[in-house]
């Protein structure tokens, strides 16, 4: 019977240890997963708040544009047409 040599045994052992080290490196505990999910939820909440703030700012700018620029121009054009070109 052929028994493996010492070098073959060392190679097999090294391969098994390497596989165990890789598996341990990629192992995620429930605590770590919970912390990552909590961080993602916080980021999502922060992003939702930022989006809401942006929408409010865009709405305010739109109102300002209508009340400060567009409405007076329309009123001016209507008055010009109704009153005429002047004296």
PDB file of N, CA and C in Angstrom:
ATOM      1  N   UNK A   1       0.823  -1.170   0.000  1.00  0.00           N
ATOM      2  CA  UNK A   1       0.000   0.000   0.000  1.00  0.00           C
ATOM      3  C   UNK A   1       0.874   1.243   0.000  1.00  0.00           C
ATOM      4  N   UNK A   2       0.447   2.181  -0.828  1.00  0.00           N
ATOM      5  CA  UNK A   2       1.189   3.426  -0.890  1.00  0.00           C
ATOM      6  C   UNK A   2       0.600   4.414   0.098  1.00  0.00           C
ATOM      7  N   UNK A   3       1.426   4.836   0.994  1.00  0.00           N
ATOM      8  CA  UNK A   3       1.010   5.868   1.935  1.00  0.00           C
ATOM      9  C   UNK A   3       1.533   7.195   1.416  1.00  0.00           C
ATOM     10  N   UNK A   4       0.753   8.289   1.671  1.00  0.00           N
ATOM     11  CA  UNK A   4       1.210   9.589   1.182  1.00  0.00           C
ATOM     12  C   UNK A   4       2.498   9.997   1.891  1.00  0.00           C
ATOM     13  N   UNK A   5       3.300  10.710   1.151  1.00  0.00           N
ATOM     14  CA  UNK A   5       4.556  11.177   1.728  1.00  0.00           C
ATOM     15  C   UNK A   5       4.277  12.365   2.641  1.00  0.00           C
ATOM     16  N   UNK A   6       5.290  12.737   3.359  1.00  0.00           N
ATOM     17  CA  UNK A   6       5.165  13.854   4.290  1.00  0.00           C
ATOM     18  C   UNK A   6       4.853  15.158   3.541  1.00  0.00           C
ATOM     19  N   UNK A   7       5.448  15.365   2.407  1.00  0.00           N
ATOM     20  CA  UNK A   7       5.203  16.570   1.619  1.00  0.00           C
ATOM     21  C   UNK A   7       3.749  16.604   1.137  1.00  0.00           C
ATOM     22  N   UNK A   8       3.210  15.463   0.722  1.00  0.00           N
ATOM     23  CA  UNK A   8       1.818  15.422   0.295  1.00  0.00           C
ATOM     24  C   UNK A   8       0.871  15.722   1.451  1.00  0.00           C
ATOM     25  N   UNK A   9       1.186  15.190   2.617  1.00  0.00           N
ATOM     26  CA  UNK A   9       0.371  15.447   3.808  1.00  0.00           C
ATOM     27  C   UNK A   9       0.397  16.933   4.168  1.00  0.00           C
ATOM     28  N   UNK A  10       1.576  17.545   4.051  1.00  0.00           N
ATOM     29  CA  UNK A  10       1.702  18.975   4.362  1.00  0.00           C
ATOM     30  C   UNK A  10       0.891  19.795   3.366  1.00  0.00           C
ATOM     31  N   UNK A  11       0.950  19.454   2.073  1.00  0.00           N
ATOM     32  CA  UNK A  11       0.166  20.165   1.062  1.00  0.00           C
ATOM     33  C   UNK A  11      -1.332  20.035   1.323  1.00  0.00           C
ATOM     34  N   UNK A  12      -1.785  18.851   1.648  1.00  0.00           N
ATOM     35  CA  UNK A  12      -3.212  18.652   1.944  1.00  0.00           C
ATOM     36  C   UNK A  12      -3.638  19.438   3.176  1.00  0.00           C
ATOM     37  N   UNK A  13      -2.791  19.410   4.195  1.00  0.00           N
ATOM     38  CA  UNK A  13      -3.098  20.157   5.417  1.00  0.00           C
ATOM     39  C   UNK A  13      -3.107  21.659   5.150  1.00  0.00           C
ATOM     40  N   UNK A  14      -2.151  22.134   4.370  1.00  0.00           N
ATOM     41  CA  UNK A  14      -2.098  23.555   4.029  1.00  0.00           C
ATOM     42  C   UNK A  14      -3.347  23.967   3.243  1.00  0.00           C
ATOM     43  N   UNK A  15      -3.806  23.122   2.306  1.00  0.00           N
ATOM     44  CA  UNK A  15      -5.008  23.421   1.535  1.00  0.00           C
ATOM     45  C   UNK A  15      -6.238  23.479   2.448  1.00  0.00           C
ATOM     46  N   UNK A  16      -6.329  22.535   3.377  1.00  0.00           N
ATOM     47  CA  UNK A  16      -7.470  22.528   4.300  1.00  0.00           C
ATOM     48  C   UNK A  16      -7.461  23.755   5.212  1.00  0.00           C
ATOM     49  N   UNK A  17      -6.279  24.129   5.697  1.00  0.00           N
ATOM     50  CA  UNK A  17      -6.176  25.310   6.560  1.00  0.00           C
ATOM     51  C   UNK A  17      -6.528  26.558   5.766  1.00  0.00           C
ATOM     52  N   UNK A  18      -6.071  26.632   4.540  1.00  0.00           N
ATOM     53  CA  UNK A  18      -6.389  27.784   3.703  1.00  0.00           C
ATOM     54  C   UNK A  18      -7.902  27.876   3.465  1.00  0.00           C
ATOM     55  N   UNK A  19      -8.554  26.748   3.231  1.00  0.00           N
ATOM     56  CA  UNK A  19     -10.007  26.750   3.033  1.00  0.00           C
ATOM     57  C   UNK A  19     -10.728  27.209   4.297  1.00  0.00           C
ATOM     58  N   UNK A  20     -10.245  26.779   5.460  1.00  0.00           N
ATOM     59  CA  UNK A  20     -10.853  27.206   6.718  1.00  0.00           C
ATOM     60  C   UNK A  20     -10.654  28.700   6.961  1.00  0.00           C
ATOM     61  N   UNK A  21      -9.474  29.212   6.651  1.00  0.00           N
ATOM     62  CA  UNK A  21      -9.201  30.641   6.825  1.00  0.00           C
ATOM     63  C   UNK A  21     -10.110  31.461   5.910  1.00  0.00           C
ATOM     64  N   UNK A  22     -10.289  31.044   4.662  1.00  0.00           N
ATOM     65  CA  UNK A  22     -11.168  31.754   3.730  1.00  0.00           C
ATOM     66  C   UNK A  22     -12.617  31.712   4.206  1.00  0.00           C
ATOM     67  N   UNK A  23     -13.053  30.574   4.700  1.00  0.00           N
ATOM     68  CA  UNK A  23     -14.432  30.469   5.199  1.00  0.00           C
ATOM     69  C   UNK A  23     -14.635  31.361   6.415  1.00  0.00           C
ATOM     70  N   UNK A  24     -13.650  31.428   7.290  1.00  0.00           N
ATOM     71  CA  UNK A  24     -13.756  32.262   8.483  1.00  0.00           C
ATOM     72  C   UNK A  24     -13.730  33.745   8.103  1.00  0.00           C
ATOM     73  N   UNK A  25     -12.975  34.110   7.089  1.00  0.00           N
ATOM     74  CA  UNK A  25     -12.900  35.501   6.653  1.00  0.00           C
ATOM     75  C   UNK A  25     -14.248  35.969   6.108  1.00  0.00           C
ATOM     76  N   UNK A  26     -14.989  35.092   5.441  1.00  0.00           N
ATOM     77  CA  UNK A  26     -16.268  35.461   4.842  1.00  0.00           C
ATOM     78  C   UNK A  26     -17.452  35.208   5.775  1.00  0.00           C
ATOM     79  N   UNK A  27     -17.217  34.714   6.953  1.00  0.00           N
ATOM     80  CA  UNK A  27     -18.284  34.398   7.890  1.00  0.00           C
ATOM     81  C   UNK A  27     -18.849  35.681   8.479  1.00  0.00           C
ATOM     82  N   UNK A  28     -20.159  35.803   8.468  1.00  0.00           N
ATOM     83  CA  UNK A  28     -20.824  36.988   8.995  1.00  0.00           C
ATOM     84  C   UNK A  28     -21.745  36.544  10.126  1.00  0.00           C
ATOM     85  N   UNK A  29     -21.553  37.155  11.273  1.00  0.00           N
ATOM     86  CA  UNK A  29     -22.411  36.809  12.396  1.00  0.00           C
ATOM     87  C   UNK A  29     -23.715  37.582  12.316  1.00  0.00           C
ATOM     88  N   UNK A  30     -24.688  37.171  13.074  1.00  0.00           N
ATOM     89  CA  UNK A  30     -25.975  37.857  13.088  1.00  0.00           C
ATOM     90  C   UNK A  30     -25.832  39.281  13.629  1.00  0.00           C
ATOM     91  N   UNK A  31     -24.927  39.476  14.568  1.00  0.00           N
ATOM     92  CA  UNK A  31     -24.733  40.803  15.136  1.00  0.00           C
ATOM     93  C   UNK A  31     -24.193  41.771  14.079  1.00  0.00           C
ATOM     94  N   UNK A  32     -23.209  41.306  13.314  1.00  0.00           N
ATOM     95  CA  UNK A  32     -22.636  42.147  12.275  1.00  0.00           C
ATOM     96  C   UNK A  32     -23.679  42.452  11.215  1.00  0.00           C
ATOM     97  N   UNK A  33     -24.443  41.442  10.830  1.00  0.00           N
ATOM     98  CA  UNK A  33     -25.494  41.644   9.838  1.00  0.00           C
ATOM     99  C   UNK A  33     -26.547  42.624  10.356  1.00  0.00           C
ATOM    100  N   UNK A  34     -26.910  42.507  11.617  1.00  0.00           N
ATOM    101  CA  UNK A  34     -27.877  43.435  12.208  1.00  0.00           C
ATOM    102  C   UNK A  34     -27.364  44.861  12.212  1.00  0.00           C
ATOM    103  N   UNK A  35     -26.084  45.032  12.547  1.00  0.00           N
ATOM    104  CA  UNK A  35     -25.496  46.374  12.537  1.00  0.00           C
ATOM    105  C   UNK A  35     -25.456  46.966  11.129  1.00  0.00           C
ATOM    106  N   UNK A  36     -25.124  46.119  10.145  1.00  0.00           N
ATOM    107  CA  UNK A  36     -25.092  46.613   8.767  1.00  0.00           C
ATOM    108  C   UNK A  36     -26.490  46.998   8.304  1.00  0.00           C
ATOM    109  N   UNK A  37     -27.490  46.195   8.640  1.00  0.00           N
ATOM    110  CA  UNK A  37     -28.867  46.518   8.260  1.00  0.00           C
ATOM    111  C   UNK A  37     -29.351  47.791   8.946  1.00  0.00           C
ATOM    112  N   UNK A  38     -28.960  47.967  10.201  1.00  0.00           N
ATOM    113  CA  UNK A  38     -29.324  49.185  10.931  1.00  0.00           C
ATOM    114  C   UNK A  38     -28.686  50.416  10.287  1.00  0.00           C
ATOM    115  N   UNK A  39     -27.431  50.301   9.881  1.00  0.00           N
ATOM    116  CA  UNK A  39     -26.747  51.412   9.220  1.00  0.00           C
ATOM    117  C   UNK A  39     -27.407  51.728   7.879  1.00  0.00           C
ATOM    118  N   UNK A  40     -27.800  50.690   7.133  1.00  0.00           N
ATOM    119  CA  UNK A  40     -28.473  50.918   5.858  1.00  0.00           C
ATOM    120  C   UNK A  40     -29.830  51.583   6.057  1.00  0.00           C
ATOM    121  N   UNK A  41     -30.556  51.192   7.102  1.00  0.00           N
ATOM    122  CA  UNK A  41     -31.849  51.806   7.388  1.00  0.00           C
ATOM    123  C   UNK A  41     -31.673  53.279   7.746  1.00  0.00           C
ATOM    124  N   UNK A  42     -30.621  53.595   8.515  1.00  0.00           N
ATOM    125  CA  UNK A  42     -30.361  54.993   8.876  1.00  0.00           C
ATOM    126  C   UNK A  42     -30.008  55.809   7.633  1.00  0.00           C
ATOM    127  N   UNK A  43     -29.199  55.251   6.758  1.00  0.00           N
ATOM    128  CA  UNK A  43     -28.851  55.948   5.519  1.00  0.00           C
ATOM    129  C   UNK A  43     -30.091  56.187   4.669  1.00  0.00           C
ATOM    130  N   UNK A  44     -30.980  55.207   4.623  1.00  0.00           N
ATOM    131  CA  UNK A  44     -32.206  55.359   3.844  1.00  0.00           C
ATOM    132  C   UNK A  44     -33.094  56.446   4.436  1.00  0.00           C
ATOM    133  N   UNK A  45     -33.194  56.508   5.752  1.00  0.00           N
ATOM    134  CA  UNK A  45     -33.977  57.560   6.401  1.00  0.00           C
ATOM    135  C   UNK A  45     -33.378  58.942   6.118  1.00  0.00           C
ATOM    136  N   UNK A  46     -32.057  59.038   6.214  1.00  0.00           N
ATOM    137  CA  UNK A  46     -31.396  60.310   5.926  1.00  0.00           C
ATOM    138  C   UNK A  46     -31.628  60.733   4.475  1.00  0.00           C
ATOM    139  N   UNK A  47     -31.557  59.774   3.569  1.00  0.00           N
ATOM    140  CA  UNK A  47     -31.778  60.069   2.163  1.00  0.00           C
ATOM    141  C   UNK A  47     -33.221  60.504   1.915  1.00  0.00           C
ATOM    142  N   UNK A  48     -34.176  59.874   2.588  1.00  0.00           N
ATOM    143  CA  UNK A  48     -35.581  60.263   2.443  1.00  0.00           C
ATOM    144  C   UNK A  48     -35.800  61.684   2.955  1.00  0.00           C
ATOM    145  N   UNK A  49     -35.140  62.038   4.058  1.00  0.00           N
ATOM    146  CA  UNK A  49     -35.248  63.404   4.572  1.00  0.00           C
ATOM    147  C   UNK A  49     -34.645  64.413   3.596  1.00  0.00           C
ATOM    148  N   UNK A  50     -33.515  64.068   2.996  1.00  0.00           N
ATOM    149  CA  UNK A  50     -32.885  64.958   2.024  1.00  0.00           C
ATOM    150  C   UNK A  50     -33.782  65.155   0.801  1.00  0.00           C
ATOM    151  N   UNK A  51     -34.405  64.084   0.339  1.00  0.00           N
ATOM    152  CA  UNK A  51     -35.298  64.180  -0.818  1.00  0.00           C
ATOM    153  C   UNK A  51     -36.503  65.057  -0.484  1.00  0.00           C
ATOM    154  N   UNK A  52     -37.061  64.898   0.721  1.00  0.00           N
ATOM    155  CA  UNK A  52     -38.202  65.722   1.128  1.00  0.00           C
ATOM    156  C   UNK A  52     -37.799  67.196   1.202  1.00  0.00           C
ATOM    157  N   UNK A  53     -36.615  67.472   1.723  1.00  0.00           N
ATOM    158  CA  UNK A  53     -36.137  68.858   1.798  1.00  0.00           C
ATOM    159  C   UNK A  53     -35.934  69.441   0.403  1.00  0.00           C
ATOM    160  N   UNK A  54     -35.403  68.638  -0.510  1.00  0.00           N
ATOM    161  CA  UNK A  54     -35.217  69.112  -1.880  1.00  0.00           C
ATOM    162  C   UNK A  54     -36.558  69.416  -2.543  1.00  0.00           C
ATOM    163  N   UNK A  55     -37.545  68.565  -2.320  1.00  0.00           N
ATOM    164  CA  UNK A  55     -38.867  68.801  -2.903  1.00  0.00           C
ATOM    165  C   UNK A  55     -39.485  70.080  -2.356  1.00  0.00           C
ATOM    166  N   UNK A  56     -39.326  70.315  -1.065  1.00  0.00           N
ATOM    167  CA  UNK A  56     -39.847  71.546  -0.466  1.00  0.00           C
ATOM    168  C   UNK A  56     -39.161  72.778  -1.064  1.00  0.00           C
ATOM    169  N   UNK A  57     -37.859  72.693  -1.259  1.00  0.00           N
ATOM    170  CA  UNK A  57     -37.114  73.810  -1.822  1.00  0.00           C
ATOM    171  C   UNK A  57     -37.545  74.067  -3.270  1.00  0.00           C
ATOM    172  N   UNK A  58     -37.747  73.007  -4.048  1.00  0.00           N
ATOM    173  CA  UNK A  58     -38.178  73.171  -5.436  1.00  0.00           C
ATOM    174  C   UNK A  58     -39.583  73.762  -5.481  1.00  0.00           C
ATOM    175  N   UNK A  59     -40.467  73.324  -4.591  1.00  0.00           N
ATOM    176  CA  UNK A  59     -41.822  73.877  -4.537  1.00  0.00           C
ATOM    177  C   UNK A  59     -41.784  75.355  -4.183  1.00  0.00           C
ATOM    178  N   UNK A  60     -40.961  75.721  -3.226  1.00  0.00           N
ATOM    179  CA  UNK A  60     -40.849  77.132  -2.828  1.00  0.00           C
ATOM    180  C   UNK A  60     -40.298  77.980  -3.982  1.00  0.00           C
ATOM    181  N   UNK A  61     -39.309  77.470  -4.695  1.00  0.00           N
ATOM    182  CA  UNK A  61     -38.751  78.211  -5.821  1.00  0.00           C
ATOM    183  C   UNK A  61     -39.777  78.350  -6.936  1.00  0.00           C
ATOM    184  N   UNK A  62     -40.575  77.327  -7.146  1.00  0.00           N
ATOM    185  CA  UNK A  62     -41.615  77.381  -8.172  1.00  0.00           C
ATOM    186  C   UNK A  62     -42.664  78.433  -7.819  1.00  0.00           C
ATOM    187  N   UNK A  63     -43.064  78.469  -6.564  1.00  0.00           N
ATOM    188  CA  UNK A  63     -44.025  79.483  -6.124  1.00  0.00           C
ATOM    189  C   UNK A  63     -43.443  80.885  -6.278  1.00  0.00           C
ATOM    190  N   UNK A  64     -42.174  81.045  -5.924  1.00  0.00           N
ATOM    191  CA  UNK A  64     -41.538  82.347  -6.056  1.00  0.00           C
ATOM    192  C   UNK A  64     -41.487  82.770  -7.517  1.00  0.00           C
ATOM    193  N   UNK A  65     -41.157  81.833  -8.403  1.00  0.00           N
ATOM    194  CA  UNK A  65     -41.075  82.140  -9.819  1.00  0.00           C
ATOM    195  C   UNK A  65     -42.435  82.591 -10.351  1.00  0.00           C
ATOM    196  N   UNK A  66     -43.496  81.880  -9.994  1.00  0.00           N
ATOM    197  CA  UNK A  66     -44.831  82.246 -10.467  1.00  0.00           C
ATOM    198  C   UNK A  66     -45.273  83.598  -9.895  1.00  0.00           C
ATOM    199  N   UNK A  67     -45.094  83.774  -8.593  1.00  0.00           N
ATOM    200  CA  UNK A  67     -45.601  85.006  -7.983  1.00  0.00           C
ATOM    201  C   UNK A  67     -44.696  86.209  -8.233  1.00  0.00           C
ATOM    202  N   UNK A  68     -43.422  85.992  -8.424  1.00  0.00           N
ATOM    203  CA  UNK A  68     -42.493  87.111  -8.570  1.00  0.00           C
ATOM    204  C   UNK A  68     -42.172  87.472  -9.990  1.00  0.00           C
ATOM    205  N   UNK A  69     -42.293  86.540 -10.923  1.00  0.00           N
ATOM    206  CA  UNK A  69     -41.852  86.818 -12.286  1.00  0.00           C
ATOM    207  C   UNK A  69     -42.979  86.612 -13.301  1.00  0.00           C
ATOM    208  N   UNK A  70     -43.521  85.435 -13.358  1.00  0.00           N
ATOM    209  CA  UNK A  70     -44.461  85.088 -14.412  1.00  0.00           C
ATOM    210  C   UNK A  70     -45.788  85.843 -14.264  1.00  0.00           C
ATOM    211  N   UNK A  71     -46.358  85.872 -13.088  1.00  0.00           N
ATOM    212  CA  UNK A  71     -47.653  86.539 -12.884  1.00  0.00           C
ATOM    213  C   UNK A  71     -47.575  88.033 -13.207  1.00  0.00           C
ATOM    214  N   UNK A  72     -46.560  88.782 -12.742  1.00  0.00           N
ATOM    215  CA  UNK A  72     -46.495  90.202 -13.122  1.00  0.00           C
ATOM    216  C   UNK A  72     -46.317  90.415 -14.625  1.00  0.00           C
ATOM    217  N   UNK A  73     -45.582  89.546 -15.286  1.00  0.00           N
ATOM    218  CA  UNK A  73     -45.405  89.672 -16.733  1.00  0.00           C
ATOM    219  C   UNK A  73     -46.738  89.448 -17.436  1.00  0.00           C
ATOM    220  N   UNK A  74     -47.486  88.445 -17.018  1.00  0.00           N
ATOM    221  CA  UNK A  74     -48.794  88.175 -17.615  1.00  0.00           C
ATOM    222  C   UNK A  74     -49.746  89.345 -17.375  1.00  0.00           C
ATOM    223  N   UNK A  75     -49.750  89.873 -16.163  1.00  0.00           N
ATOM    224  CA  UNK A  75     -50.602  91.025 -15.857  1.00  0.00           C
ATOM    225  C   UNK A  75     -50.184  92.220 -16.710  1.00  0.00           C
ATOM    226  N   UNK A  76     -48.916  92.438 -16.873  1.00  0.00           N
ATOM    227  CA  UNK A  76     -48.428  93.537 -17.707  1.00  0.00           C
ATOM    228  C   UNK A  76     -48.869  93.386 -19.152  1.00  0.00           C
ATOM    229  N   UNK A  77     -48.774  92.167 -19.675  1.00  0.00           N
ATOM    230  CA  UNK A  77     -49.206  91.937 -21.059  1.00  0.00           C
ATOM    231  C   UNK A  77     -50.706  92.169 -21.198  1.00  0.00           C
ATOM    232  N   UNK A  78     -51.491  91.689 -20.244  1.00  0.00           N
ATOM    233  CA  UNK A  78     -52.946  91.890 -20.290  1.00  0.00           C
ATOM    234  C   UNK A  78     -53.284  93.378 -20.218  1.00  0.00           C
ATOM    235  N   UNK A  79     -52.625  94.107 -19.326  1.00  0.00           N
ATOM    236  CA  UNK A  79     -52.878  95.536 -19.223  1.00  0.00           C
ATOM    237  C   UNK A  79     -52.481  96.265 -20.501  1.00  0.00           C
ATOM    238  N   UNK A  80     -51.389  95.874 -21.094  1.00  0.00           N
ATOM    239  CA  UNK A  80     -50.929  96.496 -22.339  1.00  0.00           C
ATOM    240  C   UNK A  80     -51.951  96.292 -23.446  1.00  0.00           C
ATOM    241  N   UNK A  81     -52.498  95.067 -23.497  1.00  0.00           N
ATOM    242  CA  UNK A  81     -53.492  94.779 -24.534  1.00  0.00           C
ATOM    243  C   UNK A  81     -54.796  95.532 -24.256  1.00  0.00           C
ATOM    244  N   UNK A  82     -55.218  95.570 -22.996  1.00  0.00           N
ATOM    245  CA  UNK A  82     -56.491  96.222 -22.659  1.00  0.00           C
ATOM    246  C   UNK A  82     -56.421  97.740 -22.772  1.00  0.00           C
ATOM    247  N   UNK A  83     -55.351  98.307 -22.288  1.00  0.00           N
ATOM    248  CA  UNK A  83     -55.241  99.768 -22.269  1.00  0.00           C
ATOM    249  C   UNK A  83     -54.826 100.279 -23.651  1.00  0.00           C
ATOM    250  N   UNK A  84     -54.056  99.546 -24.323  1.00  0.00           N
ATOM    251  CA  UNK A  84     -53.593  99.980 -25.629  1.00  0.00           C
ATOM    252  C   UNK A  84     -52.141 100.419 -25.551  1.00  0.00           C
ATOM    253  N   UNK A  85     -51.686 101.008 -26.612  1.00  0.00           N
ATOM    254  CA  UNK A  85     -50.278 101.385 -26.667  1.00  0.00           C
ATOM    255  C   UNK A  85     -49.997 102.671 -25.907  1.00  0.00           C
ATOM    256  N   UNK A  86     -50.957 103.307 -25.431  1.00  0.00           N
ATOM    257  CA  UNK A  86     -50.729 104.509 -24.656  1.00  0.00           C
ATOM    258  C   UNK A  86     -51.111 105.759 -25.428  1.00  0.00           C
ATOM    259  N   UNK A  87     -50.650 106.919 -24.965  1.00  0.00           N
ATOM    260  CA  UNK A  87     -51.066 108.192 -25.587  1.00  0.00           C
ATOM    261  C   UNK A  87     -50.572 108.405 -26.974  1.00  0.00           C
TER     262      UNK A  87
END
